[in-house]
């Protein structure tokens, strides 16, 4: 483990007000998104879409890193240039999703645990040789009647910590993603309580596994009421509640917190991130940034629809969303930017 290089990479991911673009959709997930716009689901259509994203002019002005899927890191542009070279030439850091997905947890109905530790050391070595400098592992926590259980929280926290330790051993910065799902009717207060417990458990396990906090990135959910909760809240209330939760749970040694969008609309994800930075800029030990997937990609995908004639306009939409979130990272986003 090269501690200096890990710290440099982690700091670079949160530098210059930039954020991370998540484009690590599995085959099943990208099929669902393609189906919305009647785009054929083939290896070539996926490659074309990813080429559209990665060749967007000036993307590196706003994006510090991209998270790839196993298929994507092995793909190339039509002219044969590897995607990893395209990414690095743009001044962006390549990353890779390494978990094998959330599976039903034995003995715990309606709860899941993320798998993928078997063989991970070898896969990380291969990905590092291919140019990946950071990785991602997502744990999924559901709020409902009697859940999440302590068993579910602890199992996922333990897996996240073991993954993170293996990443650092391989010279790869781990992005630790414990996601409390937005689905449900739970209140914001309930989300706060669960997020707090999950993060405390995750950092306890990270310390047990000897993970160097200066060489990792946290990718959490914002503290939000459930999608079907009768009481929704304002942008500033989300900002204050989320930051308060993290001040209680996230050690100052962590370089950055890069939020997942979790199904929020593109504009709302930007507004909420903007409010946090506007209210707390310069008052926090870590940077608050973004690691959005759908919230950056969706406008571009809706324009592209698999047609080569739409590539330029789709790239313009992708760049706009990246720029909006870059501005939100500084507390300078406004609805006027959307025009």
C-alpha atoms as a PDB file:
ATOM      1  CA  UNK A   1       0.000   0.000   0.000  1.00  0.00           C
ATOM      2  CA  UNK A   2       1.408   3.360  -1.092  1.00  0.00           C
ATOM      3  CA  UNK A   3      -0.161   5.705   1.435  1.00  0.00           C
ATOM      4  CA  UNK A   4       1.070   8.870  -0.259  1.00  0.00           C
ATOM      5  CA  UNK A   5      -0.426   7.909  -3.638  1.00  0.00           C
ATOM      6  CA  UNK A   6      -3.724   6.881  -2.060  1.00  0.00           C
ATOM      7  CA  UNK A   7      -4.016  10.226  -0.288  1.00  0.00           C
ATOM      8  CA  UNK A   8      -3.076  12.146  -3.459  1.00  0.00           C
ATOM      9  CA  UNK A   9      -5.747  10.307  -5.482  1.00  0.00           C
ATOM     10  CA  UNK A  10      -8.440  10.782  -2.833  1.00  0.00           C
ATOM     11  CA  UNK A  11      -7.649  14.491  -2.608  1.00  0.00           C
ATOM     12  CA  UNK A  12      -7.634  14.831  -6.417  1.00  0.00           C
ATOM     13  CA  UNK A  13     -11.151  13.370  -6.577  1.00  0.00           C
ATOM     14  CA  UNK A  14     -12.515  16.213  -4.445  1.00  0.00           C
ATOM     15  CA  UNK A  15     -10.253  19.021  -5.723  1.00  0.00           C
ATOM     16  CA  UNK A  16     -11.246  22.115  -7.718  1.00  0.00           C
ATOM     17  CA  UNK A  17     -14.951  21.818  -6.860  1.00  0.00           C
ATOM     18  CA  UNK A  18     -15.275  18.794  -9.167  1.00  0.00           C
ATOM     19  CA  UNK A  19     -17.307  15.636  -8.647  1.00  0.00           C
ATOM     20  CA  UNK A  20     -17.597  12.065  -9.882  1.00  0.00           C
ATOM     21  CA  UNK A  21     -19.769  10.790 -12.715  1.00  0.00           C
ATOM     22  CA  UNK A  22     -21.197   7.344 -11.966  1.00  0.00           C
ATOM     23  CA  UNK A  23     -21.589   5.352 -15.195  1.00  0.00           C
ATOM     24  CA  UNK A  24     -21.238   1.891 -13.689  1.00  0.00           C
ATOM     25  CA  UNK A  25     -24.715   0.588 -14.502  1.00  0.00           C
ATOM     26  CA  UNK A  26     -24.983  -3.185 -14.731  1.00  0.00           C
ATOM     27  CA  UNK A  27     -26.485  -4.773 -17.849  1.00  0.00           C
ATOM     28  CA  UNK A  28     -29.881  -5.042 -16.169  1.00  0.00           C
ATOM     29  CA  UNK A  29     -29.917  -1.429 -14.983  1.00  0.00           C
ATOM     30  CA  UNK A  30     -28.836   0.072 -18.285  1.00  0.00           C
ATOM     31  CA  UNK A  31     -31.451  -2.062 -20.064  1.00  0.00           C
ATOM     32  CA  UNK A  32     -34.195  -0.488 -17.935  1.00  0.00           C
ATOM     33  CA  UNK A  33     -32.956   2.989 -18.844  1.00  0.00           C
ATOM     34  CA  UNK A  34     -32.587   2.148 -22.528  1.00  0.00           C
ATOM     35  CA  UNK A  35     -36.087   0.628 -22.580  1.00  0.00           C
ATOM     36  CA  UNK A  36     -37.571   3.982 -21.523  1.00  0.00           C
ATOM     37  CA  UNK A  37     -36.418   5.449 -24.845  1.00  0.00           C
ATOM     38  CA  UNK A  38     -36.748   2.340 -27.025  1.00  0.00           C
ATOM     39  CA  UNK A  39     -32.977   2.012 -27.415  1.00  0.00           C
ATOM     40  CA  UNK A  40     -31.835  -1.470 -28.419  1.00  0.00           C
ATOM     41  CA  UNK A  41     -29.904  -3.300 -25.715  1.00  0.00           C
ATOM     42  CA  UNK A  42     -26.697  -4.604 -27.336  1.00  0.00           C
ATOM     43  CA  UNK A  43     -23.033  -4.466 -26.451  1.00  0.00           C
ATOM     44  CA  UNK A  44     -22.511  -2.015 -29.313  1.00  0.00           C
ATOM     45  CA  UNK A  45     -25.345   0.312 -28.215  1.00  0.00           C
ATOM     46  CA  UNK A  46     -23.895   0.356 -24.706  1.00  0.00           C
ATOM     47  CA  UNK A  47     -20.431   1.082 -26.114  1.00  0.00           C
ATOM     48  CA  UNK A  48     -21.786   3.920 -28.271  1.00  0.00           C
ATOM     49  CA  UNK A  49     -23.546   5.487 -25.306  1.00  0.00           C
ATOM     50  CA  UNK A  50     -20.455   5.278 -23.128  1.00  0.00           C
ATOM     51  CA  UNK A  51     -18.339   6.753 -25.914  1.00  0.00           C
ATOM     52  CA  UNK A  52     -20.817   9.634 -26.113  1.00  0.00           C
ATOM     53  CA  UNK A  53     -20.322  10.319 -22.395  1.00  0.00           C
ATOM     54  CA  UNK A  54     -16.552   9.961 -22.289  1.00  0.00           C
ATOM     55  CA  UNK A  55     -15.850  12.045 -25.389  1.00  0.00           C
ATOM     56  CA  UNK A  56     -17.955  14.989 -24.218  1.00  0.00           C
ATOM     57  CA  UNK A  57     -15.765  18.068 -24.796  1.00  0.00           C
ATOM     58  CA  UNK A  58     -14.535  19.805 -21.596  1.00  0.00           C
ATOM     59  CA  UNK A  59     -16.001  17.116 -19.317  1.00  0.00           C
ATOM     60  CA  UNK A  60     -12.789  17.210 -17.277  1.00  0.00           C
ATOM     61  CA  UNK A  61     -13.478  20.838 -16.357  1.00  0.00           C
ATOM     62  CA  UNK A  62     -16.210  19.681 -13.987  1.00  0.00           C
ATOM     63  CA  UNK A  63     -15.682  15.938 -13.443  1.00  0.00           C
ATOM     64  CA  UNK A  64     -12.729  14.547 -11.468  1.00  0.00           C
ATOM     65  CA  UNK A  65     -13.476  10.830 -11.828  1.00  0.00           C
ATOM     66  CA  UNK A  66     -15.763   8.349 -13.556  1.00  0.00           C
ATOM     67  CA  UNK A  67     -16.947   5.013 -12.170  1.00  0.00           C
ATOM     68  CA  UNK A  68     -16.946   2.294 -14.837  1.00  0.00           C
ATOM     69  CA  UNK A  69     -18.530  -1.157 -15.057  1.00  0.00           C
ATOM     70  CA  UNK A  70     -16.404  -4.227 -15.848  1.00  0.00           C
ATOM     71  CA  UNK A  71     -17.613  -4.219 -19.460  1.00  0.00           C
ATOM     72  CA  UNK A  72     -16.877  -0.517 -19.885  1.00  0.00           C
ATOM     73  CA  UNK A  73     -13.303  -0.537 -18.609  1.00  0.00           C
ATOM     74  CA  UNK A  74     -12.518  -3.115 -21.314  1.00  0.00           C
ATOM     75  CA  UNK A  75     -14.150  -1.148 -24.139  1.00  0.00           C
ATOM     76  CA  UNK A  76     -12.720   1.317 -26.644  1.00  0.00           C
ATOM     77  CA  UNK A  77     -13.794   4.080 -28.976  1.00  0.00           C
ATOM     78  CA  UNK A  78     -14.680   3.134 -32.530  1.00  0.00           C
ATOM     79  CA  UNK A  79     -11.133   4.114 -33.584  1.00  0.00           C
ATOM     80  CA  UNK A  80      -9.635   1.631 -31.112  1.00  0.00           C
ATOM     81  CA  UNK A  81      -8.584   4.077 -28.377  1.00  0.00           C
ATOM     82  CA  UNK A  82      -9.281   2.484 -25.006  1.00  0.00           C
ATOM     83  CA  UNK A  83     -11.823   4.223 -22.800  1.00  0.00           C
ATOM     84  CA  UNK A  84      -9.237   4.340 -19.995  1.00  0.00           C
ATOM     85  CA  UNK A  85      -6.924   6.380 -22.249  1.00  0.00           C
ATOM     86  CA  UNK A  86      -9.808   8.654 -23.280  1.00  0.00           C
ATOM     87  CA  UNK A  87     -10.570   9.268 -19.596  1.00  0.00           C
ATOM     88  CA  UNK A  88      -7.002   9.930 -18.489  1.00  0.00           C
ATOM     89  CA  UNK A  89      -6.293  12.136 -21.522  1.00  0.00           C
ATOM     90  CA  UNK A  90      -9.237  14.283 -20.398  1.00  0.00           C
ATOM     91  CA  UNK A  91      -7.619  14.724 -16.972  1.00  0.00           C
ATOM     92  CA  UNK A  92     -10.191  12.468 -15.313  1.00  0.00           C
ATOM     93  CA  UNK A  93      -9.444   9.585 -12.920  1.00  0.00           C
ATOM     94  CA  UNK A  94     -10.769   6.130 -13.913  1.00  0.00           C
ATOM     95  CA  UNK A  95     -12.684   4.176 -11.280  1.00  0.00           C
ATOM     96  CA  UNK A  96     -14.387   0.782 -11.251  1.00  0.00           C
ATOM     97  CA  UNK A  97     -17.433  -0.804  -9.570  1.00  0.00           C
ATOM     98  CA  UNK A  98     -16.287  -4.044  -7.942  1.00  0.00           C
ATOM     99  CA  UNK A  99     -19.221  -5.389  -5.934  1.00  0.00           C
ATOM    100  CA  UNK A 100     -21.415  -8.178  -7.309  1.00  0.00           C
ATOM    101  CA  UNK A 101     -24.726  -6.669  -6.265  1.00  0.00           C
ATOM    102  CA  UNK A 102     -27.055  -6.726  -3.266  1.00  0.00           C
ATOM    103  CA  UNK A 103     -28.549 -10.177  -2.618  1.00  0.00           C
ATOM    104  CA  UNK A 104     -31.303 -11.373  -0.285  1.00  0.00           C
ATOM    105  CA  UNK A 105     -29.938 -11.758   3.233  1.00  0.00           C
ATOM    106  CA  UNK A 106     -30.543 -15.190   4.747  1.00  0.00           C
ATOM    107  CA  UNK A 107     -32.880 -15.108   7.726  1.00  0.00           C
ATOM    108  CA  UNK A 108     -33.755 -11.446   7.195  1.00  0.00           C
ATOM    109  CA  UNK A 109     -36.756 -10.926   4.903  1.00  0.00           C
ATOM    110  CA  UNK A 110     -36.773  -7.680   2.887  1.00  0.00           C
ATOM    111  CA  UNK A 111     -33.100  -7.002   3.648  1.00  0.00           C
ATOM    112  CA  UNK A 112     -30.024  -7.397   1.472  1.00  0.00           C
ATOM    113  CA  UNK A 113     -26.291  -7.827   1.815  1.00  0.00           C
ATOM    114  CA  UNK A 114     -23.809  -6.978  -0.935  1.00  0.00           C
ATOM    115  CA  UNK A 115     -21.650  -9.799  -2.274  1.00  0.00           C
ATOM    116  CA  UNK A 116     -18.372  -9.828  -4.169  1.00  0.00           C
ATOM    117  CA  UNK A 117     -15.542 -10.336  -1.676  1.00  0.00           C
ATOM    118  CA  UNK A 118     -14.612 -13.750  -3.099  1.00  0.00           C
ATOM    119  CA  UNK A 119     -11.804 -13.267  -5.609  1.00  0.00           C
ATOM    120  CA  UNK A 120     -11.758  -9.497  -5.069  1.00  0.00           C
ATOM    121  CA  UNK A 121      -8.011  -9.298  -4.419  1.00  0.00           C
ATOM    122  CA  UNK A 122      -7.273 -10.716  -7.864  1.00  0.00           C
ATOM    123  CA  UNK A 123      -9.839  -8.542  -9.602  1.00  0.00           C
ATOM    124  CA  UNK A 124      -8.454  -5.415  -7.948  1.00  0.00           C
ATOM    125  CA  UNK A 125      -4.952  -6.301  -9.112  1.00  0.00           C
ATOM    126  CA  UNK A 126      -6.231  -6.646 -12.686  1.00  0.00           C
ATOM    127  CA  UNK A 127      -8.191  -3.390 -12.533  1.00  0.00           C
ATOM    128  CA  UNK A 128      -5.163  -1.521 -11.155  1.00  0.00           C
ATOM    129  CA  UNK A 129      -3.084  -2.836 -14.061  1.00  0.00           C
ATOM    130  CA  UNK A 130      -5.797  -1.592 -16.433  1.00  0.00           C
ATOM    131  CA  UNK A 131      -5.548   1.908 -14.962  1.00  0.00           C
ATOM    132  CA  UNK A 132      -8.282   2.084 -12.312  1.00  0.00           C
ATOM    133  CA  UNK A 133      -7.259   4.314  -9.411  1.00  0.00           C
ATOM    134  CA  UNK A 134     -10.397   4.159  -7.302  1.00  0.00           C
ATOM    135  CA  UNK A 135     -13.243   1.682  -6.814  1.00  0.00           C
ATOM    136  CA  UNK A 136     -16.822   1.555  -5.590  1.00  0.00           C
ATOM    137  CA  UNK A 137     -18.840  -0.875  -3.455  1.00  0.00           C
ATOM    138  CA  UNK A 138     -22.506  -0.184  -2.737  1.00  0.00           C
ATOM    139  CA  UNK A 139     -24.415  -1.473   0.263  1.00  0.00           C
ATOM    140  CA  UNK A 140     -28.208  -1.134   0.299  1.00  0.00           C
ATOM    141  CA  UNK A 141     -30.173  -0.422   3.467  1.00  0.00           C
ATOM    142  CA  UNK A 142     -33.987  -0.361   3.438  1.00  0.00           C
ATOM    143  CA  UNK A 143     -36.133   1.421   6.024  1.00  0.00           C
ATOM    144  CA  UNK A 144     -39.404  -0.314   6.867  1.00  0.00           C
ATOM    145  CA  UNK A 145     -41.353  -1.997   9.661  1.00  0.00           C
ATOM    146  CA  UNK A 146     -38.715  -3.416  11.987  1.00  0.00           C
ATOM    147  CA  UNK A 147     -35.882  -2.831   9.535  1.00  0.00           C
ATOM    148  CA  UNK A 148     -33.048  -2.260   9.090  1.00  0.00           C
ATOM    149  CA  UNK A 149     -31.921  -4.873  11.573  1.00  0.00           C
ATOM    150  CA  UNK A 150     -28.602  -4.629  13.376  1.00  0.00           C
ATOM    151  CA  UNK A 151     -27.560  -7.813  11.595  1.00  0.00           C
ATOM    152  CA  UNK A 152     -28.102  -6.222   8.186  1.00  0.00           C
ATOM    153  CA  UNK A 153     -26.261  -3.039   9.114  1.00  0.00           C
ATOM    154  CA  UNK A 154     -23.325  -4.906  10.623  1.00  0.00           C
ATOM    155  CA  UNK A 155     -23.029  -7.403   7.744  1.00  0.00           C
ATOM    156  CA  UNK A 156     -22.931  -4.644   5.153  1.00  0.00           C
ATOM    157  CA  UNK A 157     -20.551  -2.489   7.197  1.00  0.00           C
ATOM    158  CA  UNK A 158     -18.181  -5.430   7.621  1.00  0.00           C
ATOM    159  CA  UNK A 159     -18.219  -6.163   3.879  1.00  0.00           C
ATOM    160  CA  UNK A 160     -17.585  -2.484   3.063  1.00  0.00           C
ATOM    161  CA  UNK A 161     -14.619  -2.420   5.427  1.00  0.00           C
ATOM    162  CA  UNK A 162     -13.055  -5.616   4.053  1.00  0.00           C
ATOM    163  CA  UNK A 163     -13.500  -4.312   0.508  1.00  0.00           C
ATOM    164  CA  UNK A 164     -11.888  -0.989   1.468  1.00  0.00           C
ATOM    165  CA  UNK A 165      -8.885  -2.711   3.039  1.00  0.00           C
ATOM    166  CA  UNK A 166      -8.363  -4.853  -0.070  1.00  0.00           C
ATOM    167  CA  UNK A 167      -8.587  -1.759  -2.279  1.00  0.00           C
ATOM    168  CA  UNK A 168      -5.906   0.084  -0.341  1.00  0.00           C
ATOM    169  CA  UNK A 169      -3.686  -2.995  -0.394  1.00  0.00           C
ATOM    170  CA  UNK A 170      -3.933  -2.875  -4.214  1.00  0.00           C
ATOM    171  CA  UNK A 171      -3.190   0.862  -4.351  1.00  0.00           C
ATOM    172  CA  UNK A 172      -6.790   1.751  -5.191  1.00  0.00           C
ATOM    173  CA  UNK A 173      -8.823   4.379  -3.308  1.00  0.00           C
ATOM    174  CA  UNK A 174     -12.038   2.804  -1.966  1.00  0.00           C
ATOM    175  CA  UNK A 175     -15.300   4.674  -2.381  1.00  0.00           C
ATOM    176  CA  UNK A 176     -17.485   3.441   0.473  1.00  0.00           C
ATOM    177  CA  UNK A 177     -21.197   3.626  -0.390  1.00  0.00           C
ATOM    178  CA  UNK A 178     -23.734   2.761   2.312  1.00  0.00           C
ATOM    179  CA  UNK A 179     -27.036   3.814   0.735  1.00  0.00           C
ATOM    180  CA  UNK A 180     -30.199   4.278   2.765  1.00  0.00           C
ATOM    181  CA  UNK A 181     -32.886   3.919   0.092  1.00  0.00           C
ATOM    182  CA  UNK A 182     -35.421   6.710  -0.483  1.00  0.00           C
ATOM    183  CA  UNK A 183     -38.226   4.197  -1.041  1.00  0.00           C
ATOM    184  CA  UNK A 184     -40.839   4.180   1.708  1.00  0.00           C
ATOM    185  CA  UNK A 185     -43.040   6.397   3.837  1.00  0.00           C
ATOM    186  CA  UNK A 186     -40.495   7.012   6.605  1.00  0.00           C
ATOM    187  CA  UNK A 187     -39.935  10.505   7.978  1.00  0.00           C
ATOM    188  CA  UNK A 188     -36.777  12.552   7.629  1.00  0.00           C
ATOM    189  CA  UNK A 189     -36.168  12.020  11.349  1.00  0.00           C
ATOM    190  CA  UNK A 190     -36.234   8.243  10.847  1.00  0.00           C
ATOM    191  CA  UNK A 191     -33.790   8.555   7.949  1.00  0.00           C
ATOM    192  CA  UNK A 192     -31.518  10.675  10.168  1.00  0.00           C
ATOM    193  CA  UNK A 193     -31.513   8.025  12.913  1.00  0.00           C
ATOM    194  CA  UNK A 194     -30.822   5.146  10.521  1.00  0.00           C
ATOM    195  CA  UNK A 195     -28.143   7.029   8.565  1.00  0.00           C
ATOM    196  CA  UNK A 196     -26.422   7.941  11.824  1.00  0.00           C
ATOM    197  CA  UNK A 197     -26.403   4.339  13.042  1.00  0.00           C
ATOM    198  CA  UNK A 198     -25.195   3.009   9.686  1.00  0.00           C
ATOM    199  CA  UNK A 199     -22.335   5.504   9.383  1.00  0.00           C
ATOM    200  CA  UNK A 200     -21.189   4.921  12.954  1.00  0.00           C
ATOM    201  CA  UNK A 201     -21.143   1.177  12.313  1.00  0.00           C
ATOM    202  CA  UNK A 202     -19.339   1.568   8.985  1.00  0.00           C
ATOM    203  CA  UNK A 203     -16.539   3.699  10.457  1.00  0.00           C
ATOM    204  CA  UNK A 204     -16.180   1.352  13.416  1.00  0.00           C
ATOM    205  CA  UNK A 205     -15.620  -1.515  10.971  1.00  0.00           C
ATOM    206  CA  UNK A 206     -13.278   0.552   8.767  1.00  0.00           C
ATOM    207  CA  UNK A 207     -11.119   1.223  11.823  1.00  0.00           C
ATOM    208  CA  UNK A 208     -11.153  -2.454  12.801  1.00  0.00           C
ATOM    209  CA  UNK A 209      -9.916  -3.414   9.327  1.00  0.00           C
ATOM    210  CA  UNK A 210      -7.134  -0.835   9.411  1.00  0.00           C
ATOM    211  CA  UNK A 211      -8.458   1.305   6.576  1.00  0.00           C
ATOM    212  CA  UNK A 212      -6.613   4.606   6.208  1.00  0.00           C
ATOM    213  CA  UNK A 213      -9.363   7.227   6.288  1.00  0.00           C
ATOM    214  CA  UNK A 214      -7.259   9.832   4.470  1.00  0.00           C
ATOM    215  CA  UNK A 215      -7.139   7.489   1.479  1.00  0.00           C
ATOM    216  CA  UNK A 216     -10.856   6.808   1.005  1.00  0.00           C
ATOM    217  CA  UNK A 217     -14.022   8.591  -0.162  1.00  0.00           C
ATOM    218  CA  UNK A 218     -17.494   8.324   1.392  1.00  0.00           C
ATOM    219  CA  UNK A 219     -20.483   8.094  -0.960  1.00  0.00           C
ATOM    220  CA  UNK A 220     -23.629   8.345   1.202  1.00  0.00           C
ATOM    221  CA  UNK A 221     -27.275   9.248   0.795  1.00  0.00           C
ATOM    222  CA  UNK A 222     -28.614  12.636   1.833  1.00  0.00           C
ATOM    223  CA  UNK A 223     -30.904  12.639   4.860  1.00  0.00           C
ATOM    224  CA  UNK A 224     -34.367  12.745   3.293  1.00  0.00           C
ATOM    225  CA  UNK A 225     -37.956  11.737   4.039  1.00  0.00           C
ATOM    226  CA  UNK A 226     -39.164   8.680   2.138  1.00  0.00           C
ATOM    227  CA  UNK A 227     -40.633   9.236  -1.301  1.00  0.00           C
ATOM    228  CA  UNK A 228     -44.167   8.488  -0.076  1.00  0.00           C
ATOM    229  CA  UNK A 229     -43.847  10.281   3.279  1.00  0.00           C
ATOM    230  CA  UNK A 230     -46.745  12.687   3.819  1.00  0.00           C
ATOM    231  CA  UNK A 231     -44.368  15.335   5.158  1.00  0.00           C
ATOM    232  CA  UNK A 232     -41.799  16.454   2.597  1.00  0.00           C
ATOM    233  CA  UNK A 233     -39.281  19.135   3.574  1.00  0.00           C
ATOM    234  CA  UNK A 234     -37.512  22.122   2.061  1.00  0.00           C
ATOM    235  CA  UNK A 235     -34.050  22.214   0.521  1.00  0.00           C
ATOM    236  CA  UNK A 236     -32.454  24.045   3.459  1.00  0.00           C
ATOM    237  CA  UNK A 237     -33.952  21.607   5.971  1.00  0.00           C
ATOM    238  CA  UNK A 238     -32.394  18.717   4.058  1.00  0.00           C
ATOM    239  CA  UNK A 239     -29.059  20.547   3.983  1.00  0.00           C
ATOM    240  CA  UNK A 240     -28.997  21.241   7.720  1.00  0.00           C
ATOM    241  CA  UNK A 241     -30.174  17.754   8.707  1.00  0.00           C
ATOM    242  CA  UNK A 242     -27.716  16.011   6.423  1.00  0.00           C
ATOM    243  CA  UNK A 243     -24.696  18.033   7.535  1.00  0.00           C
ATOM    244  CA  UNK A 244     -25.650  17.661  11.206  1.00  0.00           C
ATOM    245  CA  UNK A 245     -25.813  13.891  10.768  1.00  0.00           C
ATOM    246  CA  UNK A 246     -22.372  13.755   9.154  1.00  0.00           C
ATOM    247  CA  UNK A 247     -20.775  16.037  11.731  1.00  0.00           C
ATOM    248  CA  UNK A 248     -21.824  13.448  14.303  1.00  0.00           C
ATOM    249  CA  UNK A 249     -20.535  10.439  12.400  1.00  0.00           C
ATOM    250  CA  UNK A 250     -17.867  11.130   9.739  1.00  0.00           C
ATOM    251  CA  UNK A 251     -14.270  11.584  10.957  1.00  0.00           C
ATOM    252  CA  UNK A 252     -12.443  14.734   9.887  1.00  0.00           C
ATOM    253  CA  UNK A 253      -9.701  12.619   8.273  1.00  0.00           C
ATOM    254  CA  UNK A 254     -12.005  11.649   5.388  1.00  0.00           C
ATOM    255  CA  UNK A 255     -11.121  13.956   2.434  1.00  0.00           C
ATOM    256  CA  UNK A 256     -14.560  14.124   0.870  1.00  0.00           C
ATOM    257  CA  UNK A 257     -18.214  13.183   1.020  1.00  0.00           C
ATOM    258  CA  UNK A 258     -19.578  12.641  -2.494  1.00  0.00           C
ATOM    259  CA  UNK A 259     -23.330  12.201  -2.439  1.00  0.00           C
ATOM    260  CA  UNK A 260     -25.268   9.676  -4.475  1.00  0.00           C
ATOM    261  CA  UNK A 261     -28.393  11.010  -6.178  1.00  0.00           C
ATOM    262  CA  UNK A 262     -30.491   7.963  -5.254  1.00  0.00           C
ATOM    263  CA  UNK A 263     -33.386   8.661  -7.596  1.00  0.00           C
ATOM    264  CA  UNK A 264     -33.659  12.412  -6.984  1.00  0.00           C
ATOM    265  CA  UNK A 265     -34.430  14.547 -10.017  1.00  0.00           C
ATOM    266  CA  UNK A 266     -31.439  16.217 -11.673  1.00  0.00           C
ATOM    267  CA  UNK A 267     -32.454  19.694 -10.518  1.00  0.00           C
ATOM    268  CA  UNK A 268     -33.313  18.707  -6.939  1.00  0.00           C
ATOM    269  CA  UNK A 269     -30.011  16.851  -6.493  1.00  0.00           C
ATOM    270  CA  UNK A 270     -28.208  20.043  -7.556  1.00  0.00           C
ATOM    271  CA  UNK A 271     -30.371  22.291  -5.366  1.00  0.00           C
ATOM    272  CA  UNK A 272     -29.798  20.219  -2.229  1.00  0.00           C
ATOM    273  CA  UNK A 273     -26.039  19.963  -2.754  1.00  0.00           C
ATOM    274  CA  UNK A 274     -25.926  23.700  -3.424  1.00  0.00           C
ATOM    275  CA  UNK A 275     -27.774  24.486  -0.187  1.00  0.00           C
ATOM    276  CA  UNK A 276     -25.302  22.461   1.867  1.00  0.00           C
ATOM    277  CA  UNK A 277     -22.312  24.248   0.401  1.00  0.00           C
ATOM    278  CA  UNK A 278     -23.954  27.659   0.556  1.00  0.00           C
ATOM    279  CA  UNK A 279     -24.802  27.235   4.235  1.00  0.00           C
ATOM    280  CA  UNK A 280     -21.644  25.465   5.395  1.00  0.00           C
ATOM    281  CA  UNK A 281     -18.807  26.379   3.011  1.00  0.00           C
ATOM    282  CA  UNK A 282     -15.555  26.741   4.942  1.00  0.00           C
ATOM    283  CA  UNK A 283     -17.059  25.388   8.157  1.00  0.00           C
ATOM    284  CA  UNK A 284     -16.610  21.637   7.567  1.00  0.00           C
ATOM    285  CA  UNK A 285     -13.595  19.296   7.830  1.00  0.00           C
ATOM    286  CA  UNK A 286     -14.382  17.522   4.541  1.00  0.00           C
ATOM    287  CA  UNK A 287     -15.536  18.625   1.104  1.00  0.00           C
ATOM    288  CA  UNK A 288     -19.172  18.079   0.077  1.00  0.00           C
ATOM    289  CA  UNK A 289     -19.433  17.030  -3.554  1.00  0.00           C
ATOM    290  CA  UNK A 290     -21.362  14.724  -5.880  1.00  0.00           C
ATOM    291  CA  UNK A 291     -21.094  11.264  -7.379  1.00  0.00           C
ATOM    292  CA  UNK A 292     -24.250  11.245  -9.460  1.00  0.00           C
ATOM    293  CA  UNK A 293     -25.356   8.772 -12.117  1.00  0.00           C
ATOM    294  CA  UNK A 294     -28.891   9.289 -13.320  1.00  0.00           C
ATOM    295  CA  UNK A 295     -28.981  12.903 -12.088  1.00  0.00           C
ATOM    296  CA  UNK A 296     -26.249  13.749 -14.621  1.00  0.00           C
ATOM    297  CA  UNK A 297     -26.967  11.234 -17.380  1.00  0.00           C
ATOM    298  CA  UNK A 298     -30.756  11.256 -17.712  1.00  0.00           C
ATOM    299  CA  UNK A 299     -31.148  14.467 -19.773  1.00  0.00           C
ATOM    300  CA  UNK A 300     -28.449  13.303 -22.190  1.00  0.00           C
ATOM    301  CA  UNK A 301     -29.963   9.838 -22.551  1.00  0.00           C
ATOM    302  CA  UNK A 302     -33.412  11.293 -23.227  1.00  0.00           C
ATOM    303  CA  UNK A 303     -31.960  13.382 -26.063  1.00  0.00           C
ATOM    304  CA  UNK A 304     -29.689  10.723 -27.572  1.00  0.00           C
ATOM    305  CA  UNK A 305     -32.245   7.876 -27.860  1.00  0.00           C
ATOM    306  CA  UNK A 306     -29.680   5.797 -29.742  1.00  0.00           C
ATOM    307  CA  UNK A 307     -29.460   8.212 -32.703  1.00  0.00           C
ATOM    308  CA  UNK A 308     -26.029   9.378 -33.908  1.00  0.00           C
ATOM    309  CA  UNK A 309     -27.553  12.678 -35.090  1.00  0.00           C
ATOM    310  CA  UNK A 310     -28.362  13.525 -31.462  1.00  0.00           C
ATOM    311  CA  UNK A 311     -24.878  12.985 -30.000  1.00  0.00           C
ATOM    312  CA  UNK A 312     -23.801  16.629 -29.921  1.00  0.00           C
ATOM    313  CA  UNK A 313     -26.977  17.867 -28.215  1.00  0.00           C
ATOM    314  CA  UNK A 314     -26.838  14.966 -25.752  1.00  0.00           C
ATOM    315  CA  UNK A 315     -23.244  15.861 -24.870  1.00  0.00           C
ATOM    316  CA  UNK A 316     -24.261  19.477 -24.337  1.00  0.00           C
ATOM    317  CA  UNK A 317     -26.943  18.339 -21.884  1.00  0.00           C
ATOM    318  CA  UNK A 318     -24.446  16.099 -20.051  1.00  0.00           C
ATOM    319  CA  UNK A 319     -21.950  18.949 -19.787  1.00  0.00           C
ATOM    320  CA  UNK A 320     -24.625  21.335 -18.500  1.00  0.00           C
ATOM    321  CA  UNK A 321     -25.611  18.969 -15.705  1.00  0.00           C
ATOM    322  CA  UNK A 322     -21.941  18.482 -14.804  1.00  0.00           C
ATOM    323  CA  UNK A 323     -21.448  22.251 -14.721  1.00  0.00           C
ATOM    324  CA  UNK A 324     -24.579  22.755 -12.586  1.00  0.00           C
ATOM    325  CA  UNK A 325     -23.263  20.324  -9.982  1.00  0.00           C
ATOM    326  CA  UNK A 326     -19.788  21.866 -10.116  1.00  0.00           C
ATOM    327  CA  UNK A 327     -21.476  25.201  -9.317  1.00  0.00           C
ATOM    328  CA  UNK A 328     -23.518  23.544  -6.526  1.00  0.00           C
ATOM    329  CA  UNK A 329     -20.254  22.263  -5.056  1.00  0.00           C
ATOM    330  CA  UNK A 330     -19.405  25.960  -4.547  1.00  0.00           C
ATOM    331  CA  UNK A 331     -22.860  27.081  -3.418  1.00  0.00           C
ATOM    332  CA  UNK A 332     -23.248  29.013  -6.672  1.00  0.00           C
ATOM    333  CA  UNK A 333     -25.934  27.001  -8.461  1.00  0.00           C
ATOM    334  CA  UNK A 334     -29.176  28.694  -9.497  1.00  0.00           C
ATOM    335  CA  UNK A 335     -32.225  27.650 -11.483  1.00  0.00           C
ATOM    336  CA  UNK A 336     -31.205  30.189 -14.126  1.00  0.00           C
ATOM    337  CA  UNK A 337     -28.286  27.912 -15.056  1.00  0.00           C
ATOM    338  CA  UNK A 338     -30.762  25.341 -16.340  1.00  0.00           C
ATOM    339  CA  UNK A 339     -31.574  27.618 -19.283  1.00  0.00           C
END
